[in-house]
PDB file of N, CA and C in Angstrom:
ATOM      1  N   MET A   1       0.840  -1.179   0.000  1.00  0.00           N
ATOM      2  CA  MET A   1       0.000   0.000   0.000  1.00  0.00           C
ATOM      3  C   MET A   1       0.881   1.237   0.000  1.00  0.00           C
ATOM      4  N   THR A   2       0.383   2.238  -0.633  1.00  0.00           N
ATOM      5  CA  THR A   2       1.114   3.492  -0.658  1.00  0.00           C
ATOM      6  C   THR A   2       0.134   4.643  -0.657  1.00  0.00           C
ATOM      7  N   GLY A   3       0.559   5.722  -0.135  1.00  0.00           N
ATOM      8  CA  GLY A   3      -0.251   6.932  -0.147  1.00  0.00           C
ATOM      9  C   GLY A   3       0.583   8.121  -0.542  1.00  0.00           C
ATOM     10  N   PHE A   4       1.801   7.855  -1.039  1.00  0.00           N
ATOM     11  CA  PHE A   4       2.686   8.928  -1.478  1.00  0.00           C
ATOM     12  C   PHE A   4       2.931   9.939  -0.358  1.00  0.00           C
ATOM     13  N   GLY A   5       2.920   9.464   0.897  1.00  0.00           N
ATOM     14  CA  GLY A   5       3.173  10.362   2.017  1.00  0.00           C
ATOM     15  C   GLY A   5       2.002  11.264   2.349  1.00  0.00           C
ATOM     16  N   THR A   6       0.816  10.920   1.893  1.00  0.00           N
ATOM     17  CA  THR A   6      -0.334  11.805   2.057  1.00  0.00           C
ATOM     18  C   THR A   6      -1.280  11.386   3.159  1.00  0.00           C
ATOM     19  N   GLY A   7      -1.067  10.209   3.734  1.00  0.00           N
ATOM     20  CA  GLY A   7      -2.007   9.695   4.714  1.00  0.00           C
ATOM     21  C   GLY A   7      -3.160   8.938   4.080  1.00  0.00           C
ATOM     22  N   ILE A   8      -3.153   8.799   2.769  1.00  0.00           N
ATOM     23  CA  ILE A   8      -4.171   8.037   2.050  1.00  0.00           C
ATOM     24  C   ILE A   8      -3.538   6.707   1.670  1.00  0.00           C
ATOM     25  N   GLU A   9      -4.243   5.614   1.912  1.00  0.00           N
ATOM     26  CA  GLU A   9      -3.706   4.305   1.554  1.00  0.00           C
ATOM     27  C   GLU A   9      -4.335   3.823   0.249  1.00  0.00           C
ATOM     28  N   PHE A  10      -3.506   3.762  -0.790  1.00  0.00           N
ATOM     29  CA  PHE A  10      -3.909   3.169  -2.049  1.00  0.00           C
ATOM     30  C   PHE A  10      -3.366   1.745  -2.053  1.00  0.00           C
ATOM     31  N   ARG A  11      -4.162   0.792  -2.500  1.00  0.00           N
ATOM     32  CA  ARG A  11      -3.740  -0.599  -2.537  1.00  0.00           C
ATOM     33  C   ARG A  11      -3.410  -0.994  -3.971  1.00  0.00           C
ATOM     34  N   HIS A  12      -2.437  -1.898  -4.099  1.00  0.00           N
ATOM     35  CA  HIS A  12      -2.149  -2.438  -5.423  1.00  0.00           C
ATOM     36  C   HIS A  12      -3.438  -3.051  -5.945  1.00  0.00           C
ATOM     37  N   GLY A  13      -3.773  -2.761  -7.168  1.00  0.00           N
ATOM     38  CA  GLY A  13      -4.992  -3.277  -7.761  1.00  0.00           C
ATOM     39  C   GLY A  13      -6.193  -2.365  -7.605  1.00  0.00           C
ATOM     40  N   ASP A  14      -6.057  -1.265  -6.854  1.00  0.00           N
ATOM     41  CA  ASP A  14      -7.165  -0.311  -6.759  1.00  0.00           C
ATOM     42  C   ASP A  14      -7.475   0.241  -8.145  1.00  0.00           C
ATOM     43  N   THR A  15      -8.741   0.351  -8.438  1.00  0.00           N
ATOM     44  CA  THR A  15      -9.169   0.984  -9.684  1.00  0.00           C
ATOM     45  C   THR A  15      -9.186   2.490  -9.481  1.00  0.00           C
ATOM     46  N   GLU A  16      -9.436   3.209 -10.560  1.00  0.00           N
ATOM     47  CA  GLU A  16      -9.568   4.653 -10.443  1.00  0.00           C
ATOM     48  C   GLU A  16     -10.686   5.006  -9.469  1.00  0.00           C
ATOM     49  N   GLY A  17     -11.784   4.272  -9.554  1.00  0.00           N
ATOM     50  CA  GLY A  17     -12.903   4.510  -8.648  1.00  0.00           C
ATOM     51  C   GLY A  17     -12.533   4.261  -7.196  1.00  0.00           C
ATOM     52  N   ASP A  18     -11.772   3.201  -6.950  1.00  0.00           N
ATOM     53  CA  ASP A  18     -11.308   2.918  -5.591  1.00  0.00           C
ATOM     54  C   ASP A  18     -10.464   4.078  -5.075  1.00  0.00           C
ATOM     55  N   CYS A  19      -9.544   4.543  -5.899  1.00  0.00           N
ATOM     56  CA  CYS A  19      -8.674   5.660  -5.499  1.00  0.00           C
ATOM     57  C   CYS A  19      -9.496   6.910  -5.216  1.00  0.00           C
ATOM     58  N   MET A  20     -10.485   7.186  -6.067  1.00  0.00           N
ATOM     59  CA  MET A  20     -11.350   8.345  -5.842  1.00  0.00           C
ATOM     60  C   MET A  20     -12.069   8.220  -4.504  1.00  0.00           C
ATOM     61  N   ARG A  21     -12.561   7.028  -4.185  1.00  0.00           N
ATOM     62  CA  ARG A  21     -13.260   6.834  -2.912  1.00  0.00           C
ATOM     63  C   ARG A  21     -12.318   7.069  -1.730  1.00  0.00           C
ATOM     64  N   HIS A  22     -11.073   6.617  -1.836  1.00  0.00           N
ATOM     65  CA  HIS A  22     -10.102   6.854  -0.761  1.00  0.00           C
ATOM     66  C   HIS A  22      -9.893   8.358  -0.558  1.00  0.00           C
ATOM     67  N   VAL A  23      -9.734   9.077  -1.653  1.00  0.00           N
ATOM     68  CA  VAL A  23      -9.498  10.522  -1.566  1.00  0.00           C
ATOM     69  C   VAL A  23     -10.743  11.239  -1.057  1.00  0.00           C
ATOM     70  N   GLU A  24     -11.896  10.878  -1.587  1.00  0.00           N
ATOM     71  CA  GLU A  24     -13.132  11.553  -1.185  1.00  0.00           C
ATOM     72  C   GLU A  24     -13.471  11.324   0.281  1.00  0.00           C
ATOM     73  N   ALA A  25     -13.098  10.177   0.818  1.00  0.00           N
ATOM     74  CA  ALA A  25     -13.434   9.861   2.205  1.00  0.00           C
ATOM     75  C   ALA A  25     -12.595  10.656   3.202  1.00  0.00           C
ATOM     76  N   ALA A  26     -11.412  11.062   2.796  1.00  0.00           N
ATOM     77  CA  ALA A  26     -10.484  11.603   3.782  1.00  0.00           C
ATOM     78  C   ALA A  26      -9.976  12.998   3.489  1.00  0.00           C
ATOM     79  N   GLU A  27     -10.381  13.591   2.426  1.00  0.00           N
ATOM     80  CA  GLU A  27      -9.667  14.785   1.996  1.00  0.00           C
ATOM     81  C   GLU A  27     -10.508  16.038   1.907  1.00  0.00           C
ATOM     82  N   ARG A  28      -9.791  17.134   1.832  1.00  0.00           N
ATOM     83  CA  ARG A  28     -10.399  18.455   1.716  1.00  0.00           C
ATOM     84  C   ARG A  28     -10.868  18.691   0.266  1.00  0.00           C
ATOM     85  N   PRO A  29     -11.805  19.586   0.070  1.00  0.00           N
ATOM     86  CA  PRO A  29     -12.410  19.800  -1.251  1.00  0.00           C
ATOM     87  C   PRO A  29     -11.410  20.108  -2.369  1.00  0.00           C
ATOM     88  N   ALA A  30     -10.406  20.936  -2.119  1.00  0.00           N
ATOM     89  CA  ALA A  30      -9.457  21.285  -3.187  1.00  0.00           C
ATOM     90  C   ALA A  30      -8.684  20.059  -3.653  1.00  0.00           C
ATOM     91  N   ARG A  31      -8.300  19.200  -2.724  1.00  0.00           N
ATOM     92  CA  ARG A  31      -7.567  17.988  -3.087  1.00  0.00           C
ATOM     93  C   ARG A  31      -8.473  17.024  -3.853  1.00  0.00           C
ATOM     94  N   LYS A  32      -9.725  16.919  -3.437  1.00  0.00           N
ATOM     95  CA  LYS A  32     -10.681  16.062  -4.147  1.00  0.00           C
ATOM     96  C   LYS A  32     -10.851  16.535  -5.584  1.00  0.00           C
ATOM     97  N   ALA A  33     -11.024  17.836  -5.766  1.00  0.00           N
ATOM     98  CA  ALA A  33     -11.224  18.395  -7.113  1.00  0.00           C
ATOM     99  C   ALA A  33      -9.997  18.155  -7.985  1.00  0.00           C
ATOM    100  N   TYR A  34      -8.818  18.359  -7.427  1.00  0.00           N
ATOM    101  CA  TYR A  34      -7.595  18.103  -8.181  1.00  0.00           C
ATOM    102  C   TYR A  34      -7.515  16.640  -8.582  1.00  0.00           C
ATOM    103  N   PHE A  35      -7.751  15.733  -7.642  1.00  0.00           N
ATOM    104  CA  PHE A  35      -7.634  14.308  -7.938  1.00  0.00           C
ATOM    105  C   PHE A  35      -8.661  13.898  -8.990  1.00  0.00           C
ATOM    106  N   ARG A  36      -9.856  14.470  -8.955  1.00  0.00           N
ATOM    107  CA  ARG A  36     -10.877  14.187  -9.977  1.00  0.00           C
ATOM    108  C   ARG A  36     -10.360  14.620 -11.347  1.00  0.00           C
ATOM    109  N   ARG A  37      -9.743  15.805 -11.447  1.00  0.00           N
ATOM    110  CA  ARG A  37      -9.190  16.258 -12.736  1.00  0.00           C
ATOM    111  C   ARG A  37      -8.108  15.297 -13.228  1.00  0.00           C
ATOM    112  N   LEU A  38      -7.262  14.831 -12.308  1.00  0.00           N
ATOM    113  CA  LEU A  38      -6.198  13.911 -12.659  1.00  0.00           C
ATOM    114  C   LEU A  38      -6.761  12.596 -13.181  1.00  0.00           C
ATOM    115  N   VAL A  39      -7.726  12.031 -12.467  1.00  0.00           N
ATOM    116  CA  VAL A  39      -8.336  10.765 -12.891  1.00  0.00           C
ATOM    117  C   VAL A  39      -9.077  10.940 -14.208  1.00  0.00           C
ATOM    118  N   ASP A  40      -9.793  12.035 -14.366  1.00  0.00           N
ATOM    119  CA  ASP A  40     -10.503  12.281 -15.632  1.00  0.00           C
ATOM    120  C   ASP A  40      -9.531  12.332 -16.804  1.00  0.00           C
ATOM    121  N   ALA A  41      -8.407  13.017 -16.632  1.00  0.00           N
ATOM    122  CA  ALA A  41      -7.406  13.101 -17.699  1.00  0.00           C
ATOM    123  C   ALA A  41      -6.840  11.723 -18.003  1.00  0.00           C
ATOM    124  N   TRP A  42      -6.513  10.973 -16.955  1.00  0.00           N
ATOM    125  CA  TRP A  42      -5.978   9.621 -17.150  1.00  0.00           C
ATOM    126  C   TRP A  42      -6.967   8.738 -17.902  1.00  0.00           C
ATOM    127  N   GLN A  43      -8.222   8.743 -17.493  1.00  0.00           N
ATOM    128  CA  GLN A  43      -9.217   7.898 -18.137  1.00  0.00           C
ATOM    129  C   GLN A  43      -9.441   8.313 -19.592  1.00  0.00           C
ATOM    130  N   SER A  44      -9.435   9.601 -19.850  1.00  0.00           N
ATOM    131  CA  SER A  44      -9.593  10.088 -21.217  1.00  0.00           C
ATOM    132  C   SER A  44      -8.455   9.608 -22.108  1.00  0.00           C
ATOM    133  N   LEU A  45      -7.254   9.636 -21.571  1.00  0.00           N
ATOM    134  CA  LEU A  45      -6.084   9.191 -22.318  1.00  0.00           C
ATOM    135  C   LEU A  45      -6.039   7.672 -22.426  1.00  0.00           C
ATOM    136  N   ALA A  46      -6.150   6.993 -21.298  1.00  0.00           N
ATOM    137  CA  ALA A  46      -5.954   5.542 -21.262  1.00  0.00           C
ATOM    138  C   ALA A  46      -7.072   4.771 -21.944  1.00  0.00           C
ATOM    139  N   TYR A  47      -8.301   5.159 -21.728  1.00  0.00           N
ATOM    140  CA  TYR A  47      -9.429   4.390 -22.246  1.00  0.00           C
ATOM    141  C   TYR A  47     -10.058   5.023 -23.482  1.00  0.00           C
ATOM    142  N   GLY A  48     -10.020   6.341 -23.548  1.00  0.00           N
ATOM    143  CA  GLY A  48     -10.620   7.029 -24.686  1.00  0.00           C
ATOM    144  C   GLY A  48      -9.629   7.328 -25.789  1.00  0.00           C
ATOM    145  N   HIS A  49      -8.333   7.146 -25.496  1.00  0.00           N
ATOM    146  CA  HIS A  49      -7.265   7.415 -26.456  1.00  0.00           C
ATOM    147  C   HIS A  49      -7.320   8.851 -26.973  1.00  0.00           C
ATOM    148  N   HIS A  50      -7.726   9.767 -26.087  1.00  0.00           N
ATOM    149  CA  HIS A  50      -7.768  11.188 -26.418  1.00  0.00           C
ATOM    150  C   HIS A  50      -6.457  11.829 -25.974  1.00  0.00           C
ATOM    151  N   VAL A  51      -5.922  12.658 -26.818  1.00  0.00           N
ATOM    152  CA  VAL A  51      -4.700  13.379 -26.470  1.00  0.00           C
ATOM    153  C   VAL A  51      -5.056  14.477 -25.469  1.00  0.00           C
ATOM    154  N   ILE A  52      -4.263  14.562 -24.423  1.00  0.00           N
ATOM    155  CA  ILE A  52      -4.453  15.602 -23.418  1.00  0.00           C
ATOM    156  C   ILE A  52      -3.554  16.776 -23.810  1.00  0.00           C
ATOM    157  N   GLU A  53      -4.108  17.972 -23.842  1.00  0.00           N
ATOM    158  CA  GLU A  53      -3.322  19.147 -24.223  1.00  0.00           C
ATOM    159  C   GLU A  53      -2.128  19.302 -23.288  1.00  0.00           C
ATOM    160  N   SER A  54      -1.011  19.718 -23.848  1.00  0.00           N
ATOM    161  CA  SER A  54       0.214  19.835 -23.058  1.00  0.00           C
ATOM    162  C   SER A  54       0.049  20.812 -21.890  1.00  0.00           C
ATOM    163  N   ALA A  55      -0.733  21.860 -22.078  1.00  0.00           N
ATOM    164  CA  ALA A  55      -0.954  22.814 -20.976  1.00  0.00           C
ATOM    165  C   ALA A  55      -1.702  22.143 -19.823  1.00  0.00           C
ATOM    166  N   ALA A  56      -2.645  21.266 -20.137  1.00  0.00           N
ATOM    167  CA  ALA A  56      -3.388  20.552 -19.092  1.00  0.00           C
ATOM    168  C   ALA A  56      -2.481  19.578 -18.355  1.00  0.00           C
ATOM    169  N   VAL A  57      -1.608  18.890 -19.084  1.00  0.00           N
ATOM    170  CA  VAL A  57      -0.658  17.968 -18.464  1.00  0.00           C
ATOM    171  C   VAL A  57       0.295  18.742 -17.559  1.00  0.00           C
ATOM    172  N   ALA A  58       0.801  19.857 -18.053  1.00  0.00           N
ATOM    173  CA  ALA A  58       1.721  20.678 -17.262  1.00  0.00           C
ATOM    174  C   ALA A  58       1.039  21.179 -15.990  1.00  0.00           C
ATOM    175  N   ALA A  59      -0.219  21.586 -16.085  1.00  0.00           N
ATOM    176  CA  ALA A  59      -0.945  22.073 -14.909  1.00  0.00           C
ATOM    177  C   ALA A  59      -1.153  20.958 -13.889  1.00  0.00           C
ATOM    178  N   LEU A  60      -1.488  19.763 -14.364  1.00  0.00           N
ATOM    179  CA  LEU A  60      -1.664  18.632 -13.449  1.00  0.00           C
ATOM    180  C   LEU A  60      -0.352  18.296 -12.748  1.00  0.00           C
ATOM    181  N   ALA A  61       0.732  18.284 -13.496  1.00  0.00           N
ATOM    182  CA  ALA A  61       2.041  17.981 -12.909  1.00  0.00           C
ATOM    183  C   ALA A  61       2.447  19.061 -11.909  1.00  0.00           C
ATOM    184  N   ARG A  62       2.251  20.306 -12.272  1.00  0.00           N
ATOM    185  CA  ARG A  62       2.610  21.428 -11.393  1.00  0.00           C
ATOM    186  C   ARG A  62       1.779  21.382 -10.108  1.00  0.00           C
ATOM    187  N   ASP A  63       0.496  21.097 -10.231  1.00  0.00           N
ATOM    188  CA  ASP A  63      -0.404  21.134  -9.087  1.00  0.00           C
ATOM    189  C   ASP A  63      -0.278  19.903  -8.185  1.00  0.00           C
ATOM    190  N   TRP A  64       0.341  18.821  -8.682  1.00  0.00           N
ATOM    191  CA  TRP A  64       0.522  17.615  -7.863  1.00  0.00           C
ATOM    192  C   TRP A  64       1.236  17.972  -6.560  1.00  0.00           C
ATOM    193  N   ARG A  65       2.303  18.748  -6.677  1.00  0.00           N
ATOM    194  CA  ARG A  65       3.104  19.097  -5.499  1.00  0.00           C
ATOM    195  C   ARG A  65       2.252  19.790  -4.446  1.00  0.00           C
ATOM    196  N   GLU A  66       1.401  20.687  -4.877  1.00  0.00           N
ATOM    197  CA  GLU A  66       0.555  21.420  -3.926  1.00  0.00           C
ATOM    198  C   GLU A  66      -0.379  20.488  -3.173  1.00  0.00           C
ATOM    199  N   HIS A  67      -0.912  19.497  -3.855  1.00  0.00           N
ATOM    200  CA  HIS A  67      -1.946  18.655  -3.262  1.00  0.00           C
ATOM    201  C   HIS A  67      -1.438  17.352  -2.657  1.00  0.00           C
ATOM    202  N   PHE A  68      -0.333  16.805  -3.190  1.00  0.00           N
ATOM    203  CA  PHE A  68       0.046  15.464  -2.763  1.00  0.00           C
ATOM    204  C   PHE A  68       1.507  15.251  -2.413  1.00  0.00           C
ATOM    205  N   ALA A  69       2.376  16.195  -2.603  1.00  0.00           N
ATOM    206  CA  ALA A  69       3.788  15.971  -2.285  1.00  0.00           C
ATOM    207  C   ALA A  69       3.953  15.795  -0.786  1.00  0.00           C
ATOM    208  N   ALA A  70       4.787  14.840  -0.424  1.00  0.00           N
ATOM    209  CA  ALA A  70       5.046  14.576   0.985  1.00  0.00           C
ATOM    210  C   ALA A  70       5.915  15.675   1.568  1.00  0.00           C
ATOM    211  N   PRO A  71       5.670  16.035   2.822  1.00  0.00           N
ATOM    212  CA  PRO A  71       6.559  16.994   3.475  1.00  0.00           C
ATOM    213  C   PRO A  71       7.960  16.392   3.576  1.00  0.00           C
ATOM    214  N   THR A  72       8.944  17.244   3.570  1.00  0.00           N
ATOM    215  CA  THR A  72      10.323  16.783   3.689  1.00  0.00           C
ATOM    216  C   THR A  72      10.827  17.100   5.088  1.00  0.00           C
ATOM    217  N   ALA A  73      12.063  16.708   5.350  1.00  0.00           N
ATOM    218  CA  ALA A  73      12.663  17.011   6.648  1.00  0.00           C
ATOM    219  C   ALA A  73      12.810  18.518   6.841  1.00  0.00           C
ATOM    220  N   HIS A  74      12.733  19.264   5.745  1.00  0.00           N
ATOM    221  CA  HIS A  74      12.883  20.723   5.802  1.00  0.00           C
ATOM    222  C   HIS A  74      11.558  21.440   5.884  1.00  0.00           C
ATOM    223  N   GLY A  75      10.481  20.701   6.089  1.00  0.00           N
ATOM    224  CA  GLY A  75       9.173  21.328   6.186  1.00  0.00           C
ATOM    225  C   GLY A  75       8.250  20.853   5.082  1.00  0.00           C
ATOM    226  N   PRO A  76       7.072  21.423   4.988  1.00  0.00           N
ATOM    227  CA  PRO A  76       6.111  20.995   3.973  1.00  0.00           C
ATOM    228  C   PRO A  76       6.606  21.297   2.569  1.00  0.00           C
ATOM    229  N   ALA A  77       6.021  20.578   1.609  1.00  0.00           N
ATOM    230  CA  ALA A  77       6.353  20.812   0.208  1.00  0.00           C
ATOM    231  C   ALA A  77       5.982  22.229  -0.173  1.00  0.00           C
ATOM    232  N   PRO A  78       6.779  22.858  -1.036  1.00  0.00           N
ATOM    233  CA  PRO A  78       6.453  24.219  -1.475  1.00  0.00           C
ATOM    234  C   PRO A  78       5.132  24.232  -2.232  1.00  0.00           C
ATOM    235  N   GLN A  79       4.440  25.325  -2.143  1.00  0.00           N
ATOM    236  CA  GLN A  79       3.182  25.479  -2.850  1.00  0.00           C
ATOM    237  C   GLN A  79       3.447  25.705  -4.336  1.00  0.00           C
ATOM    238  N   ALA A  80       2.528  25.205  -5.169  1.00  0.00           N
ATOM    239  CA  ALA A  80       2.650  25.421  -6.608  1.00  0.00           C
ATOM    240  C   ALA A  80       2.567  26.910  -6.905  1.00  0.00           C
ATOM    241  N   GLN A  81       3.362  27.358  -7.825  1.00  0.00           N
ATOM    242  CA  GLN A  81       3.367  28.765  -8.218  1.00  0.00           C
ATOM    243  C   GLN A  81       2.479  28.950  -9.445  1.00  0.00           C
ATOM    244  N   PRO A  82       1.730  30.024  -9.512  1.00  0.00           N
ATOM    245  CA  PRO A  82       0.896  30.274 -10.700  1.00  0.00           C
ATOM    246  C   PRO A  82       1.773  30.409 -11.935  1.00  0.00           C
ATOM    247  N   ALA A  83       1.236  29.952 -13.046  1.00  0.00           N
ATOM    248  CA  ALA A  83       1.986  30.054 -14.321  1.00  0.00           C
ATOM    249  C   ALA A  83       1.943  31.450 -14.865  1.00  0.00           C
TER     250      ALA A  83
END
């Protein structure tokens, strides 16, 4: 199991829906909304074979740190900076 240092336990074999339920059960609204955008993009790409615009991919990658990066020994992860 892993939660990427977030306090959320994802299990090997969890589906996207399982992961969403884990996040929705334990998390604040901004993190839930971000994770929904991430899962939607993944499903669109993986199952729908739709290309995700590079700006959307960059925003998801940039925003990951704000919502899910584990704190380090030097304190919490830095907040994402606006583009």
